[in-house]
Amino acid sequence: MSLLVPLYVHPAEDPGAWHRLITAAARTYAVVLNPANGPGVAPDPAFAAAARALRAAGARLLGYADTDYGVRDRAEVAEDVRRHQAWYAVDGCFLDRVCATPEGLSACRRLVRDLRRLGAGSVVLNPGVHPAPGYARLADLTVTFEGHWSTYVSAFTRPAWTDRLPPERFCHLVYGVPEALVPLAVRTTRERGAAVCGPVTGEMPNPWAKLTPALAVTGG
C-alpha cells in the first residue's frame, strides 16, 4: 500500500511531523506541498528546505492547486503549478476540488493538457467522490473518496467502471480514523480497489494538519 501524504501544517509549527515524514519519505506515493492554499505569493524558505530534504530522501512532490470545482480560470491554476515548480521543484500537482460531472470533463482535460505541457510529470485529481469515468483516464491518480471514517465504513459505494482500471490509479483519503483502526483503514482501502491511501486521525476543519500514523504502520 502506498501513502499519499497531504501535510497541511507549516514546518516551523510542527517540525517533528516534517522530520518524521522526511525519514519515511521512501514509503510514500507522494507528498502534497501546500504552503498557502497553493504556492502563495512568494517562496517560503521553510517549505523550500522541507522540499529539498524530501527530494533528497526520495519523495515525489506534488504542488497543491485549488480548481474550485472547475470555476477557477485554468490559467490561474496553471500559474499556481508553475510557481510550485519554480520555488519548490515539485514533480507534479495535486488538483483539489475537481469537478466530477460529465459536463466538466472537457475543461478538466484542457487543464491537464496545459499542466502536462508545463512539465507536470504526475497529475493527481481530487474530486473526493467517484467522478464521471473519463476523469480517471486523464490523471495518474484520482482521489475517489475524501471524507470521514464514519462515512467511509457506512456509506462507501464503488461504481462498476472502476474495475476497468488498476487499483494503482485510485486513492482514498479518510480522516477522523481512530488511531487504533489505522491499519484497518489501510486494509479496507485495498479491499475497495484503491492501492493508494491517506488515513489520518485529524478532524475538520483541517484534518491534514497531522501526519498519518500509517507511515509508522507500513514501516513496521
C-alpha atoms as a PDB file:
ATOM      1  CA  MET A   1       0.000   0.000   0.000  1.00  0.00           C
ATOM      2  CA  SER A   2       1.306   3.436  -0.990  1.00  0.00           C
ATOM      3  CA  LEU A   3       0.564   6.534   1.047  1.00  0.00           C
ATOM      4  CA  LEU A   4      -0.416   9.913  -0.337  1.00  0.00           C
ATOM      5  CA  VAL A   5       0.529  12.453   2.324  1.00  0.00           C
ATOM      6  CA  PRO A   6      -1.076  15.899   2.364  1.00  0.00           C
ATOM      7  CA  LEU A   7       0.619  17.554   5.360  1.00  0.00           C
ATOM      8  CA  TYR A   8      -1.018  20.964   5.689  1.00  0.00           C
ATOM      9  CA  VAL A   9       0.934  22.408   8.584  1.00  0.00           C
ATOM     10  CA  HIS A  10       3.873  24.797   8.413  1.00  0.00           C
ATOM     11  CA  PRO A  11       7.280  23.174   9.028  1.00  0.00           C
ATOM     12  CA  ALA A  12       8.027  25.763  11.717  1.00  0.00           C
ATOM     13  CA  GLU A  13       4.780  24.919  13.530  1.00  0.00           C
ATOM     14  CA  ASP A  14       5.341  21.153  13.646  1.00  0.00           C
ATOM     15  CA  PRO A  15       8.953  20.393  12.707  1.00  0.00           C
ATOM     16  CA  GLY A  16       8.691  16.940  14.277  1.00  0.00           C
ATOM     17  CA  ALA A  17       5.993  15.855  11.814  1.00  0.00           C
ATOM     18  CA  TRP A  18       8.057  17.032   8.870  1.00  0.00           C
ATOM     19  CA  HIS A  19      11.144  15.269  10.202  1.00  0.00           C
ATOM     20  CA  ARG A  20       9.212  12.006  10.549  1.00  0.00           C
ATOM     21  CA  LEU A  21       7.836  12.442   7.046  1.00  0.00           C
ATOM     22  CA  ILE A  22      11.308  13.030   5.589  1.00  0.00           C
ATOM     23  CA  THR A  23      12.587   9.939   7.390  1.00  0.00           C
ATOM     24  CA  ALA A  24       9.751   7.853   5.915  1.00  0.00           C
ATOM     25  CA  ALA A  25       9.669   9.555   2.508  1.00  0.00           C
ATOM     26  CA  ALA A  26      10.642   6.446   0.563  1.00  0.00           C
ATOM     27  CA  ARG A  27       7.429   4.748   1.735  1.00  0.00           C
ATOM     28  CA  THR A  28       5.132   7.387   0.250  1.00  0.00           C
ATOM     29  CA  TYR A  29       3.427   7.598  -3.113  1.00  0.00           C
ATOM     30  CA  ALA A  30       3.826  11.365  -2.948  1.00  0.00           C
ATOM     31  CA  VAL A  31       3.822  14.331  -0.575  1.00  0.00           C
ATOM     32  CA  VAL A  32       1.500  17.283  -1.249  1.00  0.00           C
ATOM     33  CA  LEU A  33       3.066  20.693  -0.579  1.00  0.00           C
ATOM     34  CA  ASN A  34       0.557  23.374   0.352  1.00  0.00           C
ATOM     35  CA  PRO A  35       2.223  26.491   1.793  1.00  0.00           C
ATOM     36  CA  ALA A  36      -0.774  28.868   1.454  1.00  0.00           C
ATOM     37  CA  ASN A  37      -3.769  27.102  -0.092  1.00  0.00           C
ATOM     38  CA  GLY A  38      -1.459  26.907  -3.086  1.00  0.00           C
ATOM     39  CA  PRO A  39       2.100  28.170  -3.534  1.00  0.00           C
ATOM     40  CA  GLY A  40       1.417  31.612  -2.044  1.00  0.00           C
ATOM     41  CA  VAL A  41       2.695  34.914  -3.399  1.00  0.00           C
ATOM     42  CA  ALA A  42       6.381  34.338  -2.612  1.00  0.00           C
ATOM     43  CA  PRO A  43       8.662  31.394  -1.827  1.00  0.00           C
ATOM     44  CA  ASP A  44       8.555  30.171   1.767  1.00  0.00           C
ATOM     45  CA  PRO A  45      12.092  29.304   2.937  1.00  0.00           C
ATOM     46  CA  ALA A  46      10.851  26.695   5.433  1.00  0.00           C
ATOM     47  CA  PHE A  47       8.843  24.871   2.782  1.00  0.00           C
ATOM     48  CA  ALA A  48      11.741  25.145   0.339  1.00  0.00           C
ATOM     49  CA  ALA A  49      14.049  23.489   2.879  1.00  0.00           C
ATOM     50  CA  ALA A  50      11.494  20.752   3.563  1.00  0.00           C
ATOM     51  CA  ALA A  51      11.052  20.174  -0.165  1.00  0.00           C
ATOM     52  CA  ARG A  52      14.803  19.804  -0.662  1.00  0.00           C
ATOM     53  CA  ALA A  53      15.042  17.307   2.175  1.00  0.00           C
ATOM     54  CA  LEU A  54      12.074  15.311   0.897  1.00  0.00           C
ATOM     55  CA  ARG A  55      13.526  15.155  -2.620  1.00  0.00           C
ATOM     56  CA  ALA A  56      16.865  14.014  -1.229  1.00  0.00           C
ATOM     57  CA  ALA A  57      15.017  11.297   0.692  1.00  0.00           C
ATOM     58  CA  GLY A  58      13.345  10.042  -2.475  1.00  0.00           C
ATOM     59  CA  ALA A  59       9.869  11.553  -2.214  1.00  0.00           C
ATOM     60  CA  ARG A  60       7.728  12.618  -5.149  1.00  0.00           C
ATOM     61  CA  LEU A  61       6.451  16.164  -4.560  1.00  0.00           C
ATOM     62  CA  LEU A  62       3.081  17.498  -5.693  1.00  0.00           C
ATOM     63  CA  GLY A  63       2.133  21.166  -5.614  1.00  0.00           C
ATOM     64  CA  TYR A  64      -1.362  21.905  -4.297  1.00  0.00           C
ATOM     65  CA  ALA A  65      -3.717  23.876  -6.543  1.00  0.00           C
ATOM     66  CA  ASP A  66      -7.425  24.507  -5.974  1.00  0.00           C
ATOM     67  CA  THR A  67      -9.637  24.314  -9.082  1.00  0.00           C
ATOM     68  CA  ASP A  68     -12.836  25.340  -7.210  1.00  0.00           C
ATOM     69  CA  TYR A  69     -14.837  22.615  -8.987  1.00  0.00           C
ATOM     70  CA  GLY A  70     -13.920  23.984 -12.393  1.00  0.00           C
ATOM     71  CA  VAL A  71     -14.936  27.581 -11.635  1.00  0.00           C
ATOM     72  CA  ARG A  72     -11.397  28.907 -11.307  1.00  0.00           C
ATOM     73  CA  ASP A  73      -9.726  30.054 -14.502  1.00  0.00           C
ATOM     74  CA  ARG A  74      -7.354  27.385 -15.738  1.00  0.00           C
ATOM     75  CA  ALA A  75      -4.615  29.955 -16.366  1.00  0.00           C
ATOM     76  CA  GLU A  76      -4.649  30.760 -12.634  1.00  0.00           C
ATOM     77  CA  VAL A  77      -4.375  27.080 -11.765  1.00  0.00           C
ATOM     78  CA  ALA A  78      -1.501  26.683 -14.214  1.00  0.00           C
ATOM     79  CA  GLU A  79       0.250  29.687 -12.644  1.00  0.00           C
ATOM     80  CA  ASP A  80      -0.014  28.035  -9.227  1.00  0.00           C
ATOM     81  CA  VAL A  81       1.644  24.929 -10.614  1.00  0.00           C
ATOM     82  CA  ARG A  82       4.344  26.982 -12.337  1.00  0.00           C
ATOM     83  CA  ARG A  83       5.165  28.709  -9.037  1.00  0.00           C
ATOM     84  CA  HIS A  84       5.342  25.377  -7.234  1.00  0.00           C
ATOM     85  CA  GLN A  85       7.780  24.188  -9.882  1.00  0.00           C
ATOM     86  CA  ALA A  86       9.925  27.320  -9.712  1.00  0.00           C
ATOM     87  CA  TRP A  87      10.000  27.622  -5.919  1.00  0.00           C
ATOM     88  CA  TYR A  88       9.833  24.018  -4.683  1.00  0.00           C
ATOM     89  CA  ALA A  89      10.870  21.920  -7.714  1.00  0.00           C
ATOM     90  CA  VAL A  90       7.753  19.774  -7.489  1.00  0.00           C
ATOM     91  CA  ASP A  91       7.360  16.736  -9.729  1.00  0.00           C
ATOM     92  CA  GLY A  92       3.672  17.279 -10.393  1.00  0.00           C
ATOM     93  CA  CYS A  93       0.456  18.667  -8.988  1.00  0.00           C
ATOM     94  CA  PHE A  94      -2.434  17.802  -6.705  1.00  0.00           C
ATOM     95  CA  LEU A  95      -5.579  19.407  -8.099  1.00  0.00           C
ATOM     96  CA  ASP A  96      -8.117  19.820  -5.315  1.00  0.00           C
ATOM     97  CA  ARG A  97     -11.888  20.282  -5.550  1.00  0.00           C
ATOM     98  CA  VAL A  98     -12.021  18.950  -9.099  1.00  0.00           C
ATOM     99  CA  CYS A  99     -15.379  18.895 -10.855  1.00  0.00           C
ATOM    100  CA  ALA A 100     -16.826  15.377 -11.093  1.00  0.00           C
ATOM    101  CA  THR A 101     -19.652  15.853 -13.612  1.00  0.00           C
ATOM    102  CA  PRO A 102     -19.639  14.783 -17.275  1.00  0.00           C
ATOM    103  CA  GLU A 103     -20.189  18.428 -18.248  1.00  0.00           C
ATOM    104  CA  GLY A 104     -16.896  19.476 -16.664  1.00  0.00           C
ATOM    105  CA  LEU A 105     -14.777  16.766 -18.264  1.00  0.00           C
ATOM    106  CA  SER A 106     -13.665  18.689 -21.359  1.00  0.00           C
ATOM    107  CA  ALA A 107     -12.498  21.671 -19.299  1.00  0.00           C
ATOM    108  CA  CYS A 108     -10.562  19.378 -16.979  1.00  0.00           C
ATOM    109  CA  ARG A 109      -8.990  17.683 -19.981  1.00  0.00           C
ATOM    110  CA  ARG A 110      -7.770  21.057 -21.263  1.00  0.00           C
ATOM    111  CA  LEU A 111      -6.375  21.955 -17.844  1.00  0.00           C
ATOM    112  CA  VAL A 112      -4.477  18.685 -17.503  1.00  0.00           C
ATOM    113  CA  ARG A 113      -3.100  19.121 -21.027  1.00  0.00           C
ATOM    114  CA  ASP A 114      -1.833  22.601 -20.062  1.00  0.00           C
ATOM    115  CA  LEU A 115      -0.175  21.252 -16.933  1.00  0.00           C
ATOM    116  CA  ARG A 116       1.490  18.398 -18.789  1.00  0.00           C
ATOM    117  CA  ARG A 117       2.929  20.960 -21.195  1.00  0.00           C
ATOM    118  CA  LEU A 118       4.298  22.874 -18.205  1.00  0.00           C
ATOM    119  CA  GLY A 119       6.169  19.724 -17.214  1.00  0.00           C
ATOM    120  CA  ALA A 120       3.885  18.230 -14.561  1.00  0.00           C
ATOM    121  CA  GLY A 121       5.069  14.633 -14.541  1.00  0.00           C
ATOM    122  CA  SER A 122       2.393  13.447 -12.116  1.00  0.00           C
ATOM    123  CA  VAL A 123      -1.157  14.772 -12.031  1.00  0.00           C
ATOM    124  CA  VAL A 124      -3.457  13.824  -9.169  1.00  0.00           C
ATOM    125  CA  LEU A 125      -7.139  14.787  -9.377  1.00  0.00           C
ATOM    126  CA  ASN A 126      -9.197  15.107  -6.206  1.00  0.00           C
ATOM    127  CA  PRO A 127     -12.927  15.282  -6.833  1.00  0.00           C
ATOM    128  CA  GLY A 128     -13.322  13.485  -3.497  1.00  0.00           C
ATOM    129  CA  VAL A 129     -16.016  11.241  -4.992  1.00  0.00           C
ATOM    130  CA  HIS A 130     -16.213   8.867  -7.928  1.00  0.00           C
ATOM    131  CA  PRO A 131     -16.351  11.210 -10.931  1.00  0.00           C
ATOM    132  CA  ALA A 132     -17.603  10.514 -14.415  1.00  0.00           C
ATOM    133  CA  PRO A 133     -15.356   7.745 -15.784  1.00  0.00           C
ATOM    134  CA  GLY A 134     -13.331   9.927 -18.153  1.00  0.00           C
ATOM    135  CA  TYR A 135     -11.646  11.881 -15.371  1.00  0.00           C
ATOM    136  CA  ALA A 136      -9.632   8.927 -14.139  1.00  0.00           C
ATOM    137  CA  ARG A 137      -8.166   8.451 -17.606  1.00  0.00           C
ATOM    138  CA  LEU A 138      -6.735  11.982 -17.522  1.00  0.00           C
ATOM    139  CA  ALA A 139      -4.754  11.562 -14.321  1.00  0.00           C
ATOM    140  CA  ASP A 140      -2.016   9.405 -12.883  1.00  0.00           C
ATOM    141  CA  LEU A 141      -4.096   9.093  -9.714  1.00  0.00           C
ATOM    142  CA  THR A 142      -7.675  10.029  -8.830  1.00  0.00           C
ATOM    143  CA  VAL A 143      -8.965  10.503  -5.291  1.00  0.00           C
ATOM    144  CA  THR A 144     -12.391   8.867  -5.400  1.00  0.00           C
ATOM    145  CA  PHE A 145     -13.146   9.267  -1.712  1.00  0.00           C
ATOM    146  CA  GLU A 146     -12.336  12.081   0.682  1.00  0.00           C
ATOM    147  CA  GLY A 147     -14.327  12.086   3.870  1.00  0.00           C
ATOM    148  CA  HIS A 148     -14.801  10.950   7.440  1.00  0.00           C
ATOM    149  CA  TRP A 149     -14.110   7.425   8.606  1.00  0.00           C
ATOM    150  CA  SER A 150     -17.706   7.037   9.773  1.00  0.00           C
ATOM    151  CA  THR A 151     -18.924   7.745   6.234  1.00  0.00           C
ATOM    152  CA  TYR A 152     -16.278   5.512   4.713  1.00  0.00           C
ATOM    153  CA  VAL A 153     -17.337   2.480   6.727  1.00  0.00           C
ATOM    154  CA  SER A 154     -21.092   3.038   6.392  1.00  0.00           C
ATOM    155  CA  ALA A 155     -21.823   4.612   3.014  1.00  0.00           C
ATOM    156  CA  PHE A 156     -18.998   3.906   0.559  1.00  0.00           C
ATOM    157  CA  THR A 157     -20.004   2.503  -2.831  1.00  0.00           C
ATOM    158  CA  ARG A 158     -17.908   1.831  -5.910  1.00  0.00           C
ATOM    159  CA  PRO A 159     -19.211   2.066  -9.489  1.00  0.00           C
ATOM    160  CA  ALA A 160     -18.529  -0.793 -11.880  1.00  0.00           C
ATOM    161  CA  TRP A 161     -16.338   1.285 -14.215  1.00  0.00           C
ATOM    162  CA  THR A 162     -13.553   1.397 -11.618  1.00  0.00           C
ATOM    163  CA  ASP A 163     -12.913  -2.321 -12.224  1.00  0.00           C
ATOM    164  CA  ARG A 164     -11.590  -1.435 -15.677  1.00  0.00           C
ATOM    165  CA  LEU A 165      -8.632   0.484 -14.224  1.00  0.00           C
ATOM    166  CA  PRO A 166      -5.883  -0.861 -11.942  1.00  0.00           C
ATOM    167  CA  PRO A 167      -6.014  -0.083  -8.200  1.00  0.00           C
ATOM    168  CA  GLU A 168      -2.834   1.973  -8.602  1.00  0.00           C
ATOM    169  CA  ARG A 169      -4.936   4.646 -10.311  1.00  0.00           C
ATOM    170  CA  PHE A 170      -7.160   5.250  -7.265  1.00  0.00           C
ATOM    171  CA  CYS A 171      -6.708   6.820  -3.834  1.00  0.00           C
ATOM    172  CA  HIS A 172      -8.937   7.179  -0.771  1.00  0.00           C
ATOM    173  CA  LEU A 173      -8.278   9.971   1.738  1.00  0.00           C
ATOM    174  CA  VAL A 174     -10.011   9.242   5.034  1.00  0.00           C
ATOM    175  CA  TYR A 175      -9.920  11.473   8.096  1.00  0.00           C
ATOM    176  CA  GLY A 176     -11.210  11.021  11.631  1.00  0.00           C
ATOM    177  CA  VAL A 177      -9.808   7.484  11.807  1.00  0.00           C
ATOM    178  CA  PRO A 178      -9.266   6.296  15.398  1.00  0.00           C
ATOM    179  CA  GLU A 179      -5.539   5.667  15.699  1.00  0.00           C
ATOM    180  CA  ALA A 180      -6.024   2.028  16.655  1.00  0.00           C
ATOM    181  CA  LEU A 181      -8.017   1.498  13.454  1.00  0.00           C
ATOM    182  CA  VAL A 182      -5.489   2.994  11.039  1.00  0.00           C
ATOM    183  CA  PRO A 183      -4.223  -0.482   9.968  1.00  0.00           C
ATOM    184  CA  LEU A 184      -7.848  -1.453   9.318  1.00  0.00           C
ATOM    185  CA  ALA A 185      -8.327   1.679   7.228  1.00  0.00           C
ATOM    186  CA  VAL A 186      -5.315   0.746   5.094  1.00  0.00           C
ATOM    187  CA  ARG A 187      -6.637  -2.791   4.569  1.00  0.00           C
ATOM    188  CA  THR A 188     -10.138  -1.515   3.800  1.00  0.00           C
ATOM    189  CA  THR A 189      -8.799   0.824   1.132  1.00  0.00           C
ATOM    190  CA  ARG A 190      -7.040  -2.060  -0.564  1.00  0.00           C
ATOM    191  CA  GLU A 191     -10.164  -4.226  -0.395  1.00  0.00           C
ATOM    192  CA  ARG A 192     -12.148  -1.412  -2.010  1.00  0.00           C
ATOM    193  CA  GLY A 193      -9.945  -1.257  -5.074  1.00  0.00           C
ATOM    194  CA  ALA A 194      -7.543   1.578  -4.258  1.00  0.00           C
ATOM    195  CA  ALA A 195      -3.802   0.987  -3.975  1.00  0.00           C
ATOM    196  CA  VAL A 196      -3.072   4.460  -2.544  1.00  0.00           C
ATOM    197  CA  CYS A 197      -4.493   5.860   0.678  1.00  0.00           C
ATOM    198  CA  GLY A 198      -4.028   8.564   3.274  1.00  0.00           C
ATOM    199  CA  PRO A 199      -5.771   7.769   6.578  1.00  0.00           C
ATOM    200  CA  VAL A 200      -5.381  10.431   9.268  1.00  0.00           C
ATOM    201  CA  THR A 201      -6.709  10.849  12.784  1.00  0.00           C
ATOM    202  CA  GLY A 202      -7.377  14.568  12.427  1.00  0.00           C
ATOM    203  CA  GLU A 203     -10.801  16.176  12.196  1.00  0.00           C
ATOM    204  CA  MET A 204     -12.208  19.172  10.367  1.00  0.00           C
ATOM    205  CA  PRO A 205     -11.523  22.000   9.690  1.00  0.00           C
ATOM    206  CA  ASN A 206      -8.003  20.788   8.815  1.00  0.00           C
ATOM    207  CA  PRO A 207      -7.606  17.051   9.333  1.00  0.00           C
ATOM    208  CA  TRP A 208      -4.422  17.112   7.248  1.00  0.00           C
ATOM    209  CA  ALA A 209      -2.524  19.131   9.872  1.00  0.00           C
ATOM    210  CA  LYS A 210      -1.398  15.831  11.407  1.00  0.00           C
ATOM    211  CA  LEU A 211       0.902  13.253   9.874  1.00  0.00           C
ATOM    212  CA  THR A 212      -0.700   9.911   9.068  1.00  0.00           C
ATOM    213  CA  PRO A 213       0.139   7.180  11.607  1.00  0.00           C
ATOM    214  CA  ALA A 214       0.111   4.768   8.674  1.00  0.00           C
ATOM    215  CA  LEU A 215       3.700   5.747   7.903  1.00  0.00           C
ATOM    216  CA  ALA A 216       4.763   4.019  11.096  1.00  0.00           C
ATOM    217  CA  VAL A 217       2.440   1.084  10.391  1.00  0.00           C
ATOM    218  CA  THR A 218       3.744   0.488   6.885  1.00  0.00           C
ATOM    219  CA  GLY A 219       7.282   0.929   8.047  1.00  0.00           C
ATOM    220  CA  GLY A 220       6.994  -1.788  10.668  1.00  0.00           C
END
